[in-house]
Amino acid sequence: MYGGKRSKHWSTLMADTQKVMTLRLPAGQAEALDFIAEVDSVSVSEIIRDAIENHIELCRADDGFQKRLAASMERHKRILDRLAG
């Protein structure tokens, strides 16, 4: 899970740029996350990045998400076309 087992796509993105974000968690969830990171000798950030990458991969494989994405892209295209003139 940790330590370089990300997809090639993710590695390419990380090489280009990084964005700093703030995450608010319930105290119990933050404590559990800190504990897991300590036990596995990884950073909390690494665990979070892996969880996000797993979620992105699930979305890519989810037919329902892909249909919603296509509909959203079509709506945005129509709006952009109207704005363009």
N, C-alpha and C. Protein backbone atom coordinates (compact mmCIF):
# COMPACT_ATOMS: atom_id res chain seq x y z
N MET A 1 0.82 -1.18 0.00
CA MET A 1 0.00 0.00 0.00
C MET A 1 0.87 1.25 0.00
N TYR A 2 1.82 1.33 0.89
CA TYR A 2 2.65 2.53 1.00
C TYR A 2 3.97 2.31 0.28
N GLY A 3 4.65 3.42 0.01
CA GLY A 3 6.03 3.33 -0.44
C GLY A 3 6.23 2.99 -1.90
N GLY A 4 5.63 3.77 -2.80
CA GLY A 4 5.97 3.63 -4.20
C GLY A 4 5.13 2.67 -5.00
N LYS A 5 3.99 2.23 -4.50
CA LYS A 5 3.17 1.30 -5.27
C LYS A 5 2.03 2.05 -5.98
N ARG A 6 2.20 3.33 -6.18
CA ARG A 6 1.19 4.12 -6.89
C ARG A 6 1.26 3.82 -8.38
N SER A 7 0.18 4.19 -9.06
CA SER A 7 0.15 4.00 -10.50
C SER A 7 1.15 4.96 -11.16
N LYS A 8 1.53 4.62 -12.37
CA LYS A 8 2.45 5.46 -13.13
C LYS A 8 1.85 6.85 -13.33
N HIS A 9 0.55 6.92 -13.55
CA HIS A 9 -0.14 8.19 -13.76
C HIS A 9 0.09 9.11 -12.57
N TRP A 10 -0.07 8.61 -11.37
CA TRP A 10 0.12 9.42 -10.16
C TRP A 10 1.55 9.93 -10.07
N SER A 11 2.52 9.10 -10.34
CA SER A 11 3.92 9.51 -10.27
C SER A 11 4.20 10.64 -11.24
N THR A 12 3.61 10.59 -12.42
CA THR A 12 3.79 11.65 -13.41
C THR A 12 3.21 12.95 -12.90
N LEU A 13 2.02 12.89 -12.31
CA LEU A 13 1.41 14.10 -11.78
C LEU A 13 2.24 14.70 -10.67
N MET A 14 2.74 13.87 -9.76
CA MET A 14 3.51 14.37 -8.63
C MET A 14 4.81 14.99 -9.08
N ALA A 15 5.37 14.52 -10.18
CA ALA A 15 6.64 15.08 -10.66
C ALA A 15 6.44 16.50 -11.17
N ASP A 16 5.24 16.82 -11.65
CA ASP A 16 4.97 18.13 -12.22
C ASP A 16 4.77 19.21 -11.16
N THR A 17 3.92 18.94 -10.18
CA THR A 17 3.59 19.96 -9.19
C THR A 17 2.89 19.34 -8.00
N GLN A 18 2.87 20.08 -6.91
CA GLN A 18 2.14 19.64 -5.74
C GLN A 18 1.26 20.78 -5.26
N LYS A 19 0.16 20.47 -4.64
CA LYS A 19 -0.75 21.45 -4.08
C LYS A 19 -0.87 21.18 -2.59
N VAL A 20 -0.70 22.21 -1.80
CA VAL A 20 -0.84 22.08 -0.35
C VAL A 20 -2.32 22.23 -0.02
N MET A 21 -2.84 21.32 0.81
CA MET A 21 -4.24 21.35 1.21
C MET A 21 -4.34 21.17 2.72
N THR A 22 -5.44 21.63 3.27
CA THR A 22 -5.73 21.45 4.69
C THR A 22 -6.86 20.45 4.81
N LEU A 23 -6.75 19.56 5.77
CA LEU A 23 -7.75 18.53 5.99
C LEU A 23 -8.23 18.60 7.42
N ARG A 24 -9.52 18.70 7.62
CA ARG A 24 -10.10 18.69 8.97
C ARG A 24 -10.71 17.32 9.23
N LEU A 25 -10.29 16.71 10.32
CA LEU A 25 -10.77 15.38 10.69
C LEU A 25 -11.32 15.41 12.11
N PRO A 26 -12.28 14.55 12.40
CA PRO A 26 -12.68 14.38 13.80
C PRO A 26 -11.46 13.91 14.60
N ALA A 27 -11.39 14.33 15.85
CA ALA A 27 -10.23 14.03 16.70
C ALA A 27 -9.92 12.53 16.74
N GLY A 28 -10.93 11.70 16.88
CA GLY A 28 -10.70 10.26 16.95
C GLY A 28 -10.13 9.70 15.67
N GLN A 29 -10.58 10.20 14.55
CA GLN A 29 -10.07 9.74 13.26
C GLN A 29 -8.62 10.20 13.07
N ALA A 30 -8.32 11.42 13.46
CA ALA A 30 -6.95 11.93 13.37
C ALA A 30 -6.01 11.13 14.27
N GLU A 31 -6.48 10.80 15.46
CA GLU A 31 -5.66 10.01 16.39
C GLU A 31 -5.38 8.62 15.81
N ALA A 32 -6.41 7.99 15.26
CA ALA A 32 -6.23 6.66 14.65
C ALA A 32 -5.26 6.74 13.48
N LEU A 33 -5.37 7.78 12.66
CA LEU A 33 -4.50 7.96 11.52
C LEU A 33 -3.04 8.15 11.97
N ASP A 34 -2.84 8.96 12.99
CA ASP A 34 -1.49 9.15 13.54
C ASP A 34 -0.91 7.82 14.03
N PHE A 35 -1.73 7.05 14.71
CA PHE A 35 -1.28 5.77 15.25
C PHE A 35 -0.90 4.81 14.13
N ILE A 36 -1.73 4.72 13.12
CA ILE A 36 -1.45 3.84 11.99
C ILE A 36 -0.16 4.26 11.30
N ALA A 37 0.02 5.55 11.10
CA ALA A 37 1.24 6.04 10.46
C ALA A 37 2.47 5.67 11.28
N GLU A 38 2.36 5.82 12.58
CA GLU A 38 3.49 5.48 13.45
C GLU A 38 3.81 3.99 13.38
N VAL A 39 2.79 3.16 13.47
CA VAL A 39 2.99 1.71 13.45
C VAL A 39 3.60 1.26 12.12
N ASP A 40 3.14 1.86 11.01
CA ASP A 40 3.63 1.48 9.69
C ASP A 40 4.87 2.26 9.26
N SER A 41 5.36 3.15 10.10
CA SER A 41 6.55 3.96 9.80
C SER A 41 6.42 4.73 8.48
N VAL A 42 5.27 5.34 8.29
CA VAL A 42 5.03 6.19 7.12
C VAL A 42 4.42 7.50 7.61
N SER A 43 4.41 8.49 6.76
CA SER A 43 3.81 9.76 7.14
C SER A 43 2.29 9.70 6.99
N VAL A 44 1.62 10.53 7.74
CA VAL A 44 0.17 10.67 7.60
C VAL A 44 -0.14 11.11 6.17
N SER A 45 0.66 12.01 5.65
CA SER A 45 0.44 12.47 4.27
C SER A 45 0.49 11.33 3.28
N GLU A 46 1.42 10.40 3.46
CA GLU A 46 1.53 9.24 2.57
C GLU A 46 0.26 8.39 2.62
N ILE A 47 -0.25 8.17 3.81
CA ILE A 47 -1.49 7.38 3.95
C ILE A 47 -2.65 8.09 3.26
N ILE A 48 -2.74 9.40 3.45
CA ILE A 48 -3.82 10.16 2.84
C ILE A 48 -3.70 10.16 1.32
N ARG A 49 -2.48 10.37 0.81
CA ARG A 49 -2.29 10.34 -0.66
C ARG A 49 -2.68 8.98 -1.23
N ASP A 50 -2.31 7.90 -0.55
CA ASP A 50 -2.68 6.56 -1.01
C ASP A 50 -4.19 6.37 -1.00
N ALA A 51 -4.85 6.86 0.05
CA ALA A 51 -6.31 6.73 0.14
C ALA A 51 -6.99 7.51 -0.99
N ILE A 52 -6.47 8.70 -1.27
CA ILE A 52 -7.03 9.51 -2.36
C ILE A 52 -6.82 8.82 -3.70
N GLU A 53 -5.62 8.31 -3.93
CA GLU A 53 -5.35 7.60 -5.18
C GLU A 53 -6.27 6.39 -5.34
N ASN A 54 -6.49 5.65 -4.26
CA ASN A 54 -7.41 4.50 -4.31
C ASN A 54 -8.82 4.96 -4.66
N HIS A 55 -9.25 6.08 -4.10
CA HIS A 55 -10.59 6.60 -4.40
C HIS A 55 -10.68 7.02 -5.87
N ILE A 56 -9.66 7.67 -6.38
CA ILE A 56 -9.65 8.08 -7.78
C ILE A 56 -9.75 6.85 -8.69
N GLU A 57 -8.99 5.81 -8.37
CA GLU A 57 -9.04 4.58 -9.18
C GLU A 57 -10.42 3.94 -9.12
N LEU A 58 -11.06 3.97 -7.94
CA LEU A 58 -12.43 3.44 -7.83
C LEU A 58 -13.39 4.22 -8.71
N CYS A 59 -13.24 5.54 -8.73
CA CYS A 59 -14.09 6.38 -9.58
C CYS A 59 -13.88 6.07 -11.05
N ARG A 60 -12.63 5.88 -11.43
CA ARG A 60 -12.34 5.55 -12.83
C ARG A 60 -13.00 4.25 -13.25
N ALA A 61 -13.11 3.31 -12.34
CA ALA A 61 -13.67 2.00 -12.66
C ALA A 61 -15.18 1.93 -12.45
N ASP A 62 -15.78 2.98 -11.90
CA ASP A 62 -17.20 2.98 -11.55
C ASP A 62 -18.03 3.51 -12.73
N ASP A 63 -18.88 2.64 -13.29
CA ASP A 63 -19.71 3.03 -14.44
C ASP A 63 -20.63 4.19 -14.11
N GLY A 64 -21.21 4.19 -12.93
CA GLY A 64 -22.11 5.28 -12.54
C GLY A 64 -21.37 6.61 -12.49
N PHE A 65 -20.18 6.61 -11.91
CA PHE A 65 -19.39 7.84 -11.87
C PHE A 65 -19.04 8.29 -13.28
N GLN A 66 -18.65 7.36 -14.13
CA GLN A 66 -18.27 7.71 -15.49
C GLN A 66 -19.44 8.32 -16.26
N LYS A 67 -20.65 7.83 -16.02
CA LYS A 67 -21.83 8.41 -16.66
C LYS A 67 -22.09 9.82 -16.14
N ARG A 68 -21.95 10.02 -14.82
CA ARG A 68 -22.13 11.36 -14.26
C ARG A 68 -21.05 12.32 -14.77
N LEU A 69 -19.84 11.81 -14.91
CA LEU A 69 -18.74 12.62 -15.43
C LEU A 69 -19.03 13.05 -16.87
N ALA A 70 -19.46 12.12 -17.70
CA ALA A 70 -19.77 12.44 -19.09
C ALA A 70 -20.88 13.49 -19.18
N ALA A 71 -21.92 13.35 -18.34
CA ALA A 71 -23.01 14.32 -18.33
C ALA A 71 -22.51 15.69 -17.89
N SER A 72 -21.67 15.72 -16.89
CA SER A 72 -21.10 16.98 -16.41
C SER A 72 -20.24 17.63 -17.49
N MET A 73 -19.44 16.83 -18.17
CA MET A 73 -18.60 17.38 -19.24
C MET A 73 -19.45 17.96 -20.36
N GLU A 74 -20.53 17.29 -20.68
CA GLU A 74 -21.42 17.79 -21.74
C GLU A 74 -22.07 19.12 -21.32
N ARG A 75 -22.53 19.20 -20.07
CA ARG A 75 -23.11 20.46 -19.58
C ARG A 75 -22.09 21.59 -19.65
N HIS A 76 -20.87 21.30 -19.21
CA HIS A 76 -19.84 22.34 -19.24
C HIS A 76 -19.50 22.74 -20.67
N LYS A 77 -19.48 21.79 -21.59
CA LYS A 77 -19.20 22.10 -22.99
C LYS A 77 -20.27 23.03 -23.56
N ARG A 78 -21.54 22.75 -23.23
CA ARG A 78 -22.62 23.61 -23.73
C ARG A 78 -22.47 25.02 -23.19
N ILE A 79 -22.15 25.15 -21.92
CA ILE A 79 -21.97 26.48 -21.31
C ILE A 79 -20.80 27.20 -21.97
N LEU A 80 -19.68 26.52 -22.13
CA LEU A 80 -18.50 27.13 -22.74
C LEU A 80 -18.80 27.54 -24.18
N ASP A 81 -19.53 26.70 -24.91
CA ASP A 81 -19.89 27.05 -26.29
C ASP A 81 -20.74 28.31 -26.32
N ARG A 82 -21.69 28.44 -25.39
CA ARG A 82 -22.53 29.66 -25.33
C ARG A 82 -21.68 30.87 -25.00
N LEU A 83 -20.76 30.74 -24.08
CA LEU A 83 -19.90 31.86 -23.70
C LEU A 83 -18.97 32.27 -24.83
N ALA A 84 -18.55 31.31 -25.63
CA ALA A 84 -17.63 31.60 -26.71
C ALA A 84 -18.32 32.34 -27.86
N GLY A 85 -19.63 32.29 -27.89
CA GLY A 85 -20.26 33.11 -28.87
C GLY A 85 -21.19 32.53 -29.81
